[in-house]
Amino acid sequence: MPMTAEEIDAFLAEPRLCHFATMDGNGHPRVRPLWFLWRDGEFWLTTRREARHTGRDLDSSPRVAVSVASEDRPYRAVIVHGRPEVMPPSEDLLLAISTRYGDAEGRGWAERASKEPDRVIMRLKPETLLSWDYSREGTDSPKGTVR
Protein backbone atom coordinates (compact mmCIF):
# COMPACT_ATOMS: atom_id res chain seq x y z
CA MET A 1 0.00 0.00 0.00
CA PRO A 2 1.39 3.44 -0.84
CA MET A 3 2.56 5.70 1.95
CA THR A 4 0.90 9.04 2.57
CA ALA A 5 2.80 12.26 1.83
CA GLU A 6 3.46 12.65 5.56
CA GLU A 7 4.74 9.07 5.83
CA ILE A 8 7.02 9.62 2.84
CA ASP A 9 8.43 12.79 4.41
CA ALA A 10 9.05 10.99 7.73
CA PHE A 11 10.62 7.96 6.01
CA LEU A 12 12.95 10.09 3.88
CA ALA A 13 13.91 12.24 6.89
CA GLU A 14 15.73 9.22 8.33
CA PRO A 15 19.46 9.10 7.45
CA ARG A 16 19.39 6.32 4.87
CA LEU A 17 21.49 5.96 1.76
CA CYS A 18 19.72 6.26 -1.56
CA HIS A 19 20.60 4.26 -4.64
CA PHE A 20 21.06 6.65 -7.55
CA ALA A 21 20.70 5.06 -11.00
CA THR A 22 21.88 6.47 -14.33
CA MET A 23 22.59 5.12 -17.80
CA ASP A 24 26.09 5.32 -19.23
CA GLY A 25 26.88 6.35 -22.81
CA ASN A 26 26.47 2.74 -23.99
CA GLY A 27 23.04 2.37 -22.40
CA HIS A 28 24.24 0.29 -19.47
CA PRO A 29 22.69 1.01 -16.07
CA ARG A 30 24.91 2.25 -13.27
CA VAL A 31 23.80 2.44 -9.62
CA ARG A 32 25.68 4.05 -6.77
CA PRO A 33 24.84 4.79 -3.14
CA LEU A 34 24.60 8.48 -2.28
CA TRP A 35 23.77 10.69 0.64
CA PHE A 36 20.66 12.78 0.10
CA LEU A 37 18.38 15.37 1.61
CA TRP A 38 14.61 15.30 1.06
CA ARG A 39 13.26 18.83 1.35
CA ASP A 40 9.93 20.26 0.19
CA GLY A 41 9.18 17.28 -2.05
CA GLU A 42 12.57 17.24 -3.79
CA PHE A 43 15.76 15.23 -3.47
CA TRP A 44 18.99 17.15 -3.02
CA LEU A 45 22.11 15.13 -3.82
CA THR A 46 25.75 15.85 -4.45
CA THR A 47 28.45 14.27 -6.56
CA ARG A 48 31.53 15.14 -8.55
CA ARG A 49 30.96 15.98 -12.20
CA GLU A 50 34.33 14.79 -13.55
CA ALA A 51 35.89 12.51 -10.93
CA ARG A 52 32.79 10.30 -10.81
CA HIS A 53 30.88 8.61 -13.63
CA THR A 54 27.75 10.54 -12.68
CA GLY A 55 28.65 13.63 -14.70
CA ARG A 56 29.37 11.68 -17.86
CA ASP A 57 26.23 9.62 -17.38
CA LEU A 58 24.04 12.72 -16.99
CA ASP A 59 25.60 14.25 -20.11
CA SER A 60 24.63 11.20 -22.19
CA SER A 61 21.26 10.46 -20.58
CA PRO A 62 19.74 12.94 -18.14
CA ARG A 63 16.99 10.65 -16.76
CA VAL A 64 17.66 9.05 -13.38
CA ALA A 65 15.99 6.88 -10.78
CA VAL A 66 16.43 7.04 -7.02
CA SER A 67 15.51 4.25 -4.62
CA VAL A 68 15.41 4.47 -0.84
CA ALA A 69 14.45 1.34 1.09
CA SER A 70 14.31 0.26 4.71
CA GLU A 71 16.72 -2.40 5.89
CA ASP A 72 14.31 -4.10 8.29
CA ARG A 73 10.97 -5.82 7.93
CA PRO A 74 8.32 -4.86 7.24
CA TYR A 75 9.94 -3.20 4.25
CA ARG A 76 9.14 0.32 3.12
CA ALA A 77 10.48 2.04 0.03
CA VAL A 78 10.29 5.12 -2.16
CA ILE A 79 11.35 5.16 -5.81
CA VAL A 80 11.39 8.28 -7.96
CA HIS A 81 12.19 9.01 -11.59
CA GLY A 82 13.12 12.35 -13.08
CA ARG A 83 15.74 14.66 -14.54
CA PRO A 84 18.00 16.32 -11.99
CA GLU A 85 18.93 19.96 -12.28
CA VAL A 86 22.71 20.25 -11.83
CA MET A 87 23.96 23.39 -10.11
CA PRO A 88 27.06 24.71 -8.36
CA PRO A 89 27.40 23.65 -4.74
CA SER A 90 26.41 25.85 -1.85
CA GLU A 91 27.99 25.42 1.55
CA ASP A 92 24.54 25.39 3.18
CA LEU A 93 23.29 22.52 1.01
CA LEU A 94 26.49 20.49 1.37
CA LEU A 95 26.16 20.82 5.15
CA ALA A 96 22.43 20.03 5.10
CA ILE A 97 23.08 16.85 3.13
CA SER A 98 26.19 15.66 4.97
CA THR A 99 25.32 16.39 8.59
CA ARG A 100 22.28 14.10 8.36
CA TYR A 101 24.81 11.26 8.51
CA GLY A 102 26.74 12.54 11.55
CA ASP A 103 27.43 16.12 12.55
CA ALA A 104 31.23 16.07 13.03
CA GLU A 105 31.85 13.71 10.13
CA GLY A 106 29.46 15.63 7.90
CA ARG A 107 31.08 18.99 8.66
CA GLY A 108 34.53 17.60 7.90
CA TRP A 109 33.32 16.04 4.67
CA ALA A 110 31.53 19.25 3.58
CA GLU A 111 34.66 21.30 4.18
CA ARG A 112 36.71 18.98 1.96
CA ALA A 113 33.95 18.67 -0.66
CA SER A 114 33.53 22.43 -1.00
CA LYS A 115 37.14 22.62 -2.24
CA GLU A 116 36.61 20.09 -5.04
CA PRO A 117 36.40 22.02 -8.32
CA ASP A 118 33.97 19.58 -9.97
CA ARG A 119 31.61 19.21 -6.97
CA VAL A 120 27.96 19.82 -7.90
CA ILE A 121 24.55 19.73 -6.28
CA MET A 122 21.66 17.97 -7.98
CA ARG A 123 18.05 18.89 -7.34
CA LEU A 124 15.61 16.18 -8.36
CA LYS A 125 11.93 16.98 -8.43
CA PRO A 126 10.17 13.64 -8.93
CA GLU A 127 8.30 13.18 -12.21
CA THR A 128 6.96 9.94 -10.73
CA LEU A 129 7.06 8.73 -7.15
CA LEU A 130 6.24 5.19 -6.05
CA SER A 131 6.04 4.18 -2.42
CA TRP A 132 4.98 1.20 -0.40
CA ASP A 133 4.77 -0.01 3.15
CA TYR A 134 4.58 -3.80 3.56
CA SER A 135 3.32 -3.52 7.13
CA ARG A 136 -0.13 -2.92 5.69
CA GLU A 137 -2.62 -5.38 4.26
CA GLY A 138 -2.84 -5.80 0.51
CA THR A 139 0.72 -4.84 -0.37
CA ASP A 140 1.56 -7.82 -2.57
CA SER A 141 1.44 -5.58 -5.63
CA PRO A 142 2.42 -2.03 -4.64
CA LYS A 143 0.66 0.70 -6.54
CA GLY A 144 2.52 3.87 -7.45
CA THR A 145 1.58 7.36 -6.51
CA VAL A 146 2.52 10.55 -8.23
CA ARG A 147 3.00 13.37 -5.85
C-alpha atoms as a PDB file:
ATOM      1  CA  MET A   1       0.000   0.000   0.000  1.00  0.00           C
ATOM      2  CA  PRO A   2       1.391   3.442  -0.842  1.00  0.00           C
ATOM      3  CA  MET A   3       2.561   5.695   1.951  1.00  0.00           C
ATOM      4  CA  THR A   4       0.896   9.039   2.571  1.00  0.00           C
ATOM      5  CA  ALA A   5       2.797  12.258   1.832  1.00  0.00           C
ATOM      6  CA  GLU A   6       3.455  12.654   5.561  1.00  0.00           C
ATOM      7  CA  GLU A   7       4.738   9.074   5.832  1.00  0.00           C
ATOM      8  CA  ILE A   8       7.023   9.615   2.838  1.00  0.00           C
ATOM      9  CA  ASP A   9       8.427  12.786   4.414  1.00  0.00           C
ATOM     10  CA  ALA A  10       9.050  10.989   7.728  1.00  0.00           C
ATOM     11  CA  PHE A  11      10.617   7.957   6.008  1.00  0.00           C
ATOM     12  CA  LEU A  12      12.949  10.094   3.879  1.00  0.00           C
ATOM     13  CA  ALA A  13      13.912  12.243   6.888  1.00  0.00           C
ATOM     14  CA  GLU A  14      15.728   9.223   8.329  1.00  0.00           C
ATOM     15  CA  PRO A  15      19.458   9.099   7.452  1.00  0.00           C
ATOM     16  CA  ARG A  16      19.385   6.317   4.870  1.00  0.00           C
ATOM     17  CA  LEU A  17      21.490   5.961   1.758  1.00  0.00           C
ATOM     18  CA  CYS A  18      19.723   6.256  -1.556  1.00  0.00           C
ATOM     19  CA  HIS A  19      20.596   4.264  -4.642  1.00  0.00           C
ATOM     20  CA  PHE A  20      21.063   6.649  -7.552  1.00  0.00           C
ATOM     21  CA  ALA A  21      20.701   5.059 -11.003  1.00  0.00           C
ATOM     22  CA  THR A  22      21.877   6.466 -14.329  1.00  0.00           C
ATOM     23  CA  MET A  23      22.595   5.120 -17.803  1.00  0.00           C
ATOM     24  CA  ASP A  24      26.095   5.320 -19.234  1.00  0.00           C
ATOM     25  CA  GLY A  25      26.884   6.348 -22.814  1.00  0.00           C
ATOM     26  CA  ASN A  26      26.473   2.741 -23.992  1.00  0.00           C
ATOM     27  CA  GLY A  27      23.042   2.373 -22.405  1.00  0.00           C
ATOM     28  CA  HIS A  28      24.244   0.286 -19.473  1.00  0.00           C
ATOM     29  CA  PRO A  29      22.687   1.006 -16.074  1.00  0.00           C
ATOM     30  CA  ARG A  30      24.906   2.246 -13.270  1.00  0.00           C
ATOM     31  CA  VAL A  31      23.804   2.437  -9.618  1.00  0.00           C
ATOM     32  CA  ARG A  32      25.678   4.048  -6.774  1.00  0.00           C
ATOM     33  CA  PRO A  33      24.838   4.789  -3.136  1.00  0.00           C
ATOM     34  CA  LEU A  34      24.595   8.477  -2.280  1.00  0.00           C
ATOM     35  CA  TRP A  35      23.767  10.687   0.643  1.00  0.00           C
ATOM     36  CA  PHE A  36      20.661  12.784   0.100  1.00  0.00           C
ATOM     37  CA  LEU A  37      18.384  15.370   1.609  1.00  0.00           C
ATOM     38  CA  TRP A  38      14.609  15.301   1.059  1.00  0.00           C
ATOM     39  CA  ARG A  39      13.261  18.828   1.352  1.00  0.00           C
ATOM     40  CA  ASP A  40       9.931  20.255   0.190  1.00  0.00           C
ATOM     41  CA  GLY A  41       9.177  17.283  -2.048  1.00  0.00           C
ATOM     42  CA  GLU A  42      12.575  17.243  -3.787  1.00  0.00           C
ATOM     43  CA  PHE A  43      15.757  15.229  -3.466  1.00  0.00           C
ATOM     44  CA  TRP A  44      18.992  17.155  -3.022  1.00  0.00           C
ATOM     45  CA  LEU A  45      22.110  15.130  -3.819  1.00  0.00           C
ATOM     46  CA  THR A  46      25.752  15.849  -4.453  1.00  0.00           C
ATOM     47  CA  THR A  47      28.451  14.267  -6.558  1.00  0.00           C
ATOM     48  CA  ARG A  48      31.534  15.144  -8.549  1.00  0.00           C
ATOM     49  CA  ARG A  49      30.956  15.975 -12.200  1.00  0.00           C
ATOM     50  CA  GLU A  50      34.327  14.788 -13.548  1.00  0.00           C
ATOM     51  CA  ALA A  51      35.886  12.506 -10.932  1.00  0.00           C
ATOM     52  CA  ARG A  52      32.791  10.295 -10.808  1.00  0.00           C
ATOM     53  CA  HIS A  53      30.880   8.615 -13.635  1.00  0.00           C
ATOM     54  CA  THR A  54      27.755  10.543 -12.675  1.00  0.00           C
ATOM     55  CA  GLY A  55      28.649  13.627 -14.701  1.00  0.00           C
ATOM     56  CA  ARG A  56      29.373  11.676 -17.864  1.00  0.00           C
ATOM     57  CA  ASP A  57      26.226   9.617 -17.385  1.00  0.00           C
ATOM     58  CA  LEU A  58      24.041  12.718 -16.989  1.00  0.00           C
ATOM     59  CA  ASP A  59      25.596  14.246 -20.110  1.00  0.00           C
ATOM     60  CA  SER A  60      24.633  11.203 -22.186  1.00  0.00           C
ATOM     61  CA  SER A  61      21.261  10.456 -20.582  1.00  0.00           C
ATOM     62  CA  PRO A  62      19.739  12.940 -18.135  1.00  0.00           C
ATOM     63  CA  ARG A  63      16.989  10.652 -16.763  1.00  0.00           C
ATOM     64  CA  VAL A  64      17.658   9.048 -13.376  1.00  0.00           C
ATOM     65  CA  ALA A  65      15.991   6.875 -10.781  1.00  0.00           C
ATOM     66  CA  VAL A  66      16.428   7.043  -7.018  1.00  0.00           C
ATOM     67  CA  SER A  67      15.509   4.253  -4.624  1.00  0.00           C
ATOM     68  CA  VAL A  68      15.405   4.472  -0.838  1.00  0.00           C
ATOM     69  CA  ALA A  69      14.450   1.338   1.094  1.00  0.00           C
ATOM     70  CA  SER A  70      14.305   0.265   4.707  1.00  0.00           C
ATOM     71  CA  GLU A  71      16.716  -2.405   5.888  1.00  0.00           C
ATOM     72  CA  ASP A  72      14.313  -4.100   8.295  1.00  0.00           C
ATOM     73  CA  ARG A  73      10.972  -5.820   7.933  1.00  0.00           C
ATOM     74  CA  PRO A  74       8.320  -4.860   7.240  1.00  0.00           C
ATOM     75  CA  TYR A  75       9.940  -3.201   4.249  1.00  0.00           C
ATOM     76  CA  ARG A  76       9.142   0.321   3.122  1.00  0.00           C
ATOM     77  CA  ALA A  77      10.481   2.039   0.034  1.00  0.00           C
ATOM     78  CA  VAL A  78      10.289   5.118  -2.156  1.00  0.00           C
ATOM     79  CA  ILE A  79      11.351   5.158  -5.807  1.00  0.00           C
ATOM     80  CA  VAL A  80      11.393   8.276  -7.964  1.00  0.00           C
ATOM     81  CA  HIS A  81      12.186   9.010 -11.594  1.00  0.00           C
ATOM     82  CA  GLY A  82      13.120  12.349 -13.083  1.00  0.00           C
ATOM     83  CA  ARG A  83      15.739  14.655 -14.538  1.00  0.00           C
ATOM     84  CA  PRO A  84      18.000  16.319 -11.995  1.00  0.00           C
ATOM     85  CA  GLU A  85      18.932  19.958 -12.281  1.00  0.00           C
ATOM     86  CA  VAL A  86      22.709  20.249 -11.827  1.00  0.00           C
ATOM     87  CA  MET A  87      23.965  23.385 -10.109  1.00  0.00           C
ATOM     88  CA  PRO A  88      27.063  24.706  -8.357  1.00  0.00           C
ATOM     89  CA  PRO A  89      27.397  23.651  -4.741  1.00  0.00           C
ATOM     90  CA  SER A  90      26.407  25.846  -1.850  1.00  0.00           C
ATOM     91  CA  GLU A  91      27.990  25.423   1.548  1.00  0.00           C
ATOM     92  CA  ASP A  92      24.543  25.389   3.182  1.00  0.00           C
ATOM     93  CA  LEU A  93      23.292  22.518   1.005  1.00  0.00           C
ATOM     94  CA  LEU A  94      26.492  20.490   1.375  1.00  0.00           C
ATOM     95  CA  LEU A  95      26.158  20.818   5.149  1.00  0.00           C
ATOM     96  CA  ALA A  96      22.434  20.034   5.103  1.00  0.00           C
ATOM     97  CA  ILE A  97      23.078  16.845   3.135  1.00  0.00           C
ATOM     98  CA  SER A  98      26.189  15.657   4.969  1.00  0.00           C
ATOM     99  CA  THR A  99      25.318  16.394   8.595  1.00  0.00           C
ATOM    100  CA  ARG A 100      22.279  14.105   8.359  1.00  0.00           C
ATOM    101  CA  TYR A 101      24.811  11.261   8.513  1.00  0.00           C
ATOM    102  CA  GLY A 102      26.742  12.538  11.550  1.00  0.00           C
ATOM    103  CA  ASP A 103      27.430  16.116  12.551  1.00  0.00           C
ATOM    104  CA  ALA A 104      31.228  16.070  13.034  1.00  0.00           C
ATOM    105  CA  GLU A 105      31.854  13.707  10.127  1.00  0.00           C
ATOM    106  CA  GLY A 106      29.459  15.631   7.901  1.00  0.00           C
ATOM    107  CA  ARG A 107      31.075  18.988   8.660  1.00  0.00           C
ATOM    108  CA  GLY A 108      34.529  17.599   7.900  1.00  0.00           C
ATOM    109  CA  TRP A 109      33.324  16.044   4.670  1.00  0.00           C
ATOM    110  CA  ALA A 110      31.528  19.250   3.579  1.00  0.00           C
ATOM    111  CA  GLU A 111      34.664  21.305   4.183  1.00  0.00           C
ATOM    112  CA  ARG A 112      36.708  18.982   1.961  1.00  0.00           C
ATOM    113  CA  ALA A 113      33.946  18.666  -0.660  1.00  0.00           C
ATOM    114  CA  SER A 114      33.529  22.428  -0.998  1.00  0.00           C
ATOM    115  CA  LYS A 115      37.141  22.618  -2.239  1.00  0.00           C
ATOM    116  CA  GLU A 116      36.606  20.091  -5.041  1.00  0.00           C
ATOM    117  CA  PRO A 117      36.398  22.022  -8.324  1.00  0.00           C
ATOM    118  CA  ASP A 118      33.965  19.580  -9.971  1.00  0.00           C
ATOM    119  CA  ARG A 119      31.612  19.209  -6.972  1.00  0.00           C
ATOM    120  CA  VAL A 120      27.963  19.823  -7.901  1.00  0.00           C
ATOM    121  CA  ILE A 121      24.550  19.734  -6.277  1.00  0.00           C
ATOM    122  CA  MET A 122      21.662  17.969  -7.979  1.00  0.00           C
ATOM    123  CA  ARG A 123      18.053  18.891  -7.338  1.00  0.00           C
ATOM    124  CA  LEU A 124      15.614  16.176  -8.363  1.00  0.00           C
ATOM    125  CA  LYS A 125      11.931  16.981  -8.435  1.00  0.00           C
ATOM    126  CA  PRO A 126      10.170  13.642  -8.929  1.00  0.00           C
ATOM    127  CA  GLU A 127       8.301  13.178 -12.205  1.00  0.00           C
ATOM    128  CA  THR A 128       6.961   9.940 -10.727  1.00  0.00           C
ATOM    129  CA  LEU A 129       7.060   8.731  -7.147  1.00  0.00           C
ATOM    130  CA  LEU A 130       6.239   5.189  -6.053  1.00  0.00           C
ATOM    131  CA  SER A 131       6.036   4.178  -2.418  1.00  0.00           C
ATOM    132  CA  TRP A 132       4.976   1.196  -0.401  1.00  0.00           C
ATOM    133  CA  ASP A 133       4.774  -0.011   3.155  1.00  0.00           C
ATOM    134  CA  TYR A 134       4.579  -3.800   3.558  1.00  0.00           C
ATOM    135  CA  SER A 135       3.317  -3.515   7.131  1.00  0.00           C
ATOM    136  CA  ARG A 136      -0.134  -2.919   5.688  1.00  0.00           C
ATOM    137  CA  GLU A 137      -2.617  -5.382   4.263  1.00  0.00           C
ATOM    138  CA  GLY A 138      -2.837  -5.799   0.511  1.00  0.00           C
ATOM    139  CA  THR A 139       0.723  -4.840  -0.371  1.00  0.00           C
ATOM    140  CA  ASP A 140       1.555  -7.820  -2.574  1.00  0.00           C
ATOM    141  CA  SER A 141       1.440  -5.582  -5.630  1.00  0.00           C
ATOM    142  CA  PRO A 142       2.415  -2.026  -4.638  1.00  0.00           C
ATOM    143  CA  LYS A 143       0.660   0.700  -6.538  1.00  0.00           C
ATOM    144  CA  GLY A 144       2.515   3.866  -7.450  1.00  0.00           C
ATOM    145  CA  THR A 145       1.583   7.358  -6.507  1.00  0.00           C
ATOM    146  CA  VAL A 146       2.519  10.553  -8.226  1.00  0.00           C
ATOM    147  CA  ARG A 147       3.002  13.367  -5.853  1.00  0.00           C
END
